[in-house]
Amino acid sequence: MVLDTKQIMDILPHRSPFLLVDRIDELEPGKRAVGRKAVTYNEPYFAGHFPQEPVMPGVLICEALAQVGAVAILSQEEYKGRLVLFGGINKARFRRKVVPGDVLRLEMEVIKVKGPVGVGKATAYVDDKICTDAELTFVIQ
């Protein structure tokens, strides 16, 4: 299942400039999702991070991964219209810079869900090289 930006906005409450996913390329509701984000020089955070050498903040890469995971969770009928919030970020590793011109491939696999709390394995790639990986805990409200 492929979702464009409009379809993603039908699932997530995020809007510009904080919607950090352009497209969902693969979706297994409740299990996993793969999305992408084209990083452009026009991103608002590049004005201050860093003007002479723009680098996408690692925390925003984690947020983009979380948004892909939220699409996987909120695509399930029982969770439509709900919110998915961060519960924690564990084992985060930032392995390379993400700069304007990069296209992030964002993969999120739901490892477990118990009640309203779950954990996902998140990995971001640029050109098939891992740039960020983490274990994300989420809470469904």
Protein backbone atom coordinates (compact mmCIF):
# COMPACT_ATOMS: atom_id res chain seq x y z
CA MET A 1 0.00 0.00 0.00
CA VAL A 2 1.41 3.39 -1.03
CA LEU A 3 0.23 6.64 0.59
CA ASP A 4 0.86 10.15 -0.68
CA THR A 5 1.12 13.25 1.53
CA LYS A 6 -2.62 13.93 1.51
CA GLN A 7 -3.39 10.36 2.58
CA ILE A 8 -0.75 10.60 5.33
CA MET A 9 -2.42 13.81 6.58
CA ASP A 10 -5.73 11.91 6.70
CA ILE A 11 -4.08 9.58 9.26
CA LEU A 12 -1.69 11.87 11.17
CA PRO A 13 -2.55 15.21 12.82
CA HIS A 14 0.84 16.70 11.80
CA ARG A 15 0.99 19.56 9.31
CA SER A 16 3.73 21.67 7.73
CA PRO A 17 6.34 22.44 8.87
CA PHE A 18 6.19 19.47 11.24
CA LEU A 19 4.95 16.74 8.90
CA LEU A 20 8.25 15.00 8.21
CA VAL A 21 7.08 12.20 5.89
CA ASP A 22 6.42 12.78 2.19
CA ARG A 23 5.23 9.31 1.25
CA ILE A 24 4.60 5.83 2.61
CA ASP A 25 5.96 3.18 0.25
CA GLU A 26 5.05 0.07 2.26
CA LEU A 27 2.41 -0.41 4.92
CA GLU A 28 1.34 -3.39 6.98
CA PRO A 29 -1.11 -1.86 9.48
CA GLY A 30 -0.06 -2.57 13.05
CA LYS A 31 3.19 -4.22 11.96
CA ARG A 32 5.46 -2.01 9.88
CA ALA A 33 5.76 0.89 7.52
CA VAL A 34 8.41 2.28 5.20
CA GLY A 35 8.31 5.94 4.25
CA ARG A 36 10.47 8.59 2.71
CA LYS A 37 11.39 12.20 3.27
CA ALA A 38 13.15 14.31 0.65
CA VAL A 39 15.37 16.69 2.59
CA THR A 40 15.53 20.09 0.91
CA TYR A 41 17.52 23.21 1.65
CA ASN A 42 14.20 25.00 2.31
CA GLU A 43 13.55 23.07 5.56
CA PRO A 44 12.98 25.72 8.28
CA TYR A 45 15.50 24.21 10.72
CA PHE A 46 18.42 24.71 8.31
CA ALA A 47 18.31 28.47 8.94
CA GLY A 48 19.87 27.84 12.34
CA HIS A 49 21.26 24.27 12.18
CA PHE A 50 23.78 25.22 10.81
CA PRO A 51 23.77 28.18 8.39
CA GLN A 52 27.25 27.43 7.02
CA GLU A 53 26.82 23.63 7.00
CA PRO A 54 23.15 22.55 7.10
CA VAL A 55 22.55 19.28 8.99
CA MET A 56 19.16 17.76 9.77
CA PRO A 57 18.86 17.50 13.58
CA GLY A 58 18.94 13.92 14.85
CA VAL A 59 15.87 14.49 16.96
CA LEU A 60 13.91 15.37 13.80
CA ILE A 61 15.10 12.18 12.12
CA CYS A 62 13.72 10.31 15.15
CA GLU A 63 10.47 12.28 14.82
CA ALA A 64 10.22 11.35 11.12
CA LEU A 65 10.71 7.69 12.06
CA ALA A 66 8.05 8.02 14.76
CA GLN A 67 5.61 9.53 12.26
CA VAL A 68 6.10 6.53 9.96
CA GLY A 69 5.43 4.25 12.93
CA ALA A 70 2.36 6.27 13.84
CA VAL A 71 0.99 5.69 10.33
CA ALA A 72 1.40 1.93 10.88
CA ILE A 73 -0.43 2.08 14.23
CA LEU A 74 -3.16 4.56 13.27
CA SER A 75 -3.95 2.66 10.06
CA GLN A 76 -5.60 0.01 12.21
CA GLU A 77 -9.36 0.45 12.48
CA GLU A 78 -9.36 0.42 16.31
CA TYR A 79 -6.90 3.34 16.48
CA LYS A 80 -8.22 5.65 13.73
CA GLY A 81 -8.45 9.25 14.91
CA ARG A 82 -6.24 8.68 17.97
CA LEU A 83 -2.83 10.18 18.78
CA VAL A 84 0.49 8.39 19.07
CA LEU A 85 2.97 10.13 21.39
CA PHE A 86 6.61 9.48 22.24
CA GLY A 87 7.14 7.42 25.38
CA GLY A 88 10.90 7.18 24.96
CA ILE A 89 13.88 6.97 22.64
CA ASN A 90 16.39 4.24 23.47
CA LYS A 91 19.62 3.05 21.88
CA ALA A 92 19.65 5.94 19.40
CA ARG A 93 22.69 6.04 17.15
CA PHE A 94 23.45 8.75 14.61
CA ARG A 95 25.88 7.28 12.09
CA ARG A 96 26.09 9.95 9.38
CA LYS A 97 24.92 13.48 8.66
CA VAL A 98 21.69 14.09 6.76
CA VAL A 99 22.00 17.13 4.51
CA PRO A 100 19.95 18.92 1.84
CA GLY A 101 19.55 16.70 -1.22
CA ASP A 102 19.38 13.47 0.78
CA VAL A 103 16.31 11.25 0.59
CA LEU A 104 15.63 9.46 3.87
CA ARG A 105 14.15 5.97 3.74
CA LEU A 106 12.38 5.59 7.08
CA GLU A 107 11.62 2.08 8.33
CA MET A 108 9.64 1.32 11.46
CA GLU A 109 8.78 -2.16 12.66
CA VAL A 110 6.41 -2.56 15.59
CA ILE A 111 8.07 -5.00 18.01
CA LYS A 112 5.37 -5.16 20.66
CA VAL A 113 2.21 -3.48 21.85
CA LYS A 114 0.78 -4.04 25.32
CA GLY A 115 -2.29 -1.98 26.06
CA PRO A 116 -1.69 1.60 24.98
CA VAL A 117 2.14 1.28 25.02
CA GLY A 118 4.33 -0.13 22.30
CA VAL A 119 7.91 -0.37 21.08
CA GLY A 120 9.26 -0.12 17.56
CA LYS A 121 12.58 -0.72 15.85
CA ALA A 122 13.37 2.35 13.75
CA THR A 123 16.02 2.71 11.06
CA ALA A 124 16.69 5.60 8.69
CA TYR A 125 18.79 5.18 5.55
CA VAL A 126 20.33 7.44 2.93
CA ASP A 127 21.51 5.62 -0.21
CA ASP A 128 21.08 2.24 1.55
CA LYS A 129 23.45 3.32 4.33
CA ILE A 130 22.12 3.55 7.88
CA CYS A 131 22.20 7.10 9.16
CA THR A 132 20.07 6.63 12.31
CA ASP A 133 18.69 3.73 14.27
CA ALA A 134 16.82 3.63 17.55
CA GLU A 135 14.23 1.84 19.62
CA LEU A 136 11.17 4.07 19.97
CA THR A 137 8.57 3.66 22.70
CA PHE A 138 5.12 5.07 21.94
CA VAL A 139 1.87 5.66 23.74
CA ILE A 140 -1.50 5.52 21.99
CA GLN A 141 -4.01 8.07 23.31
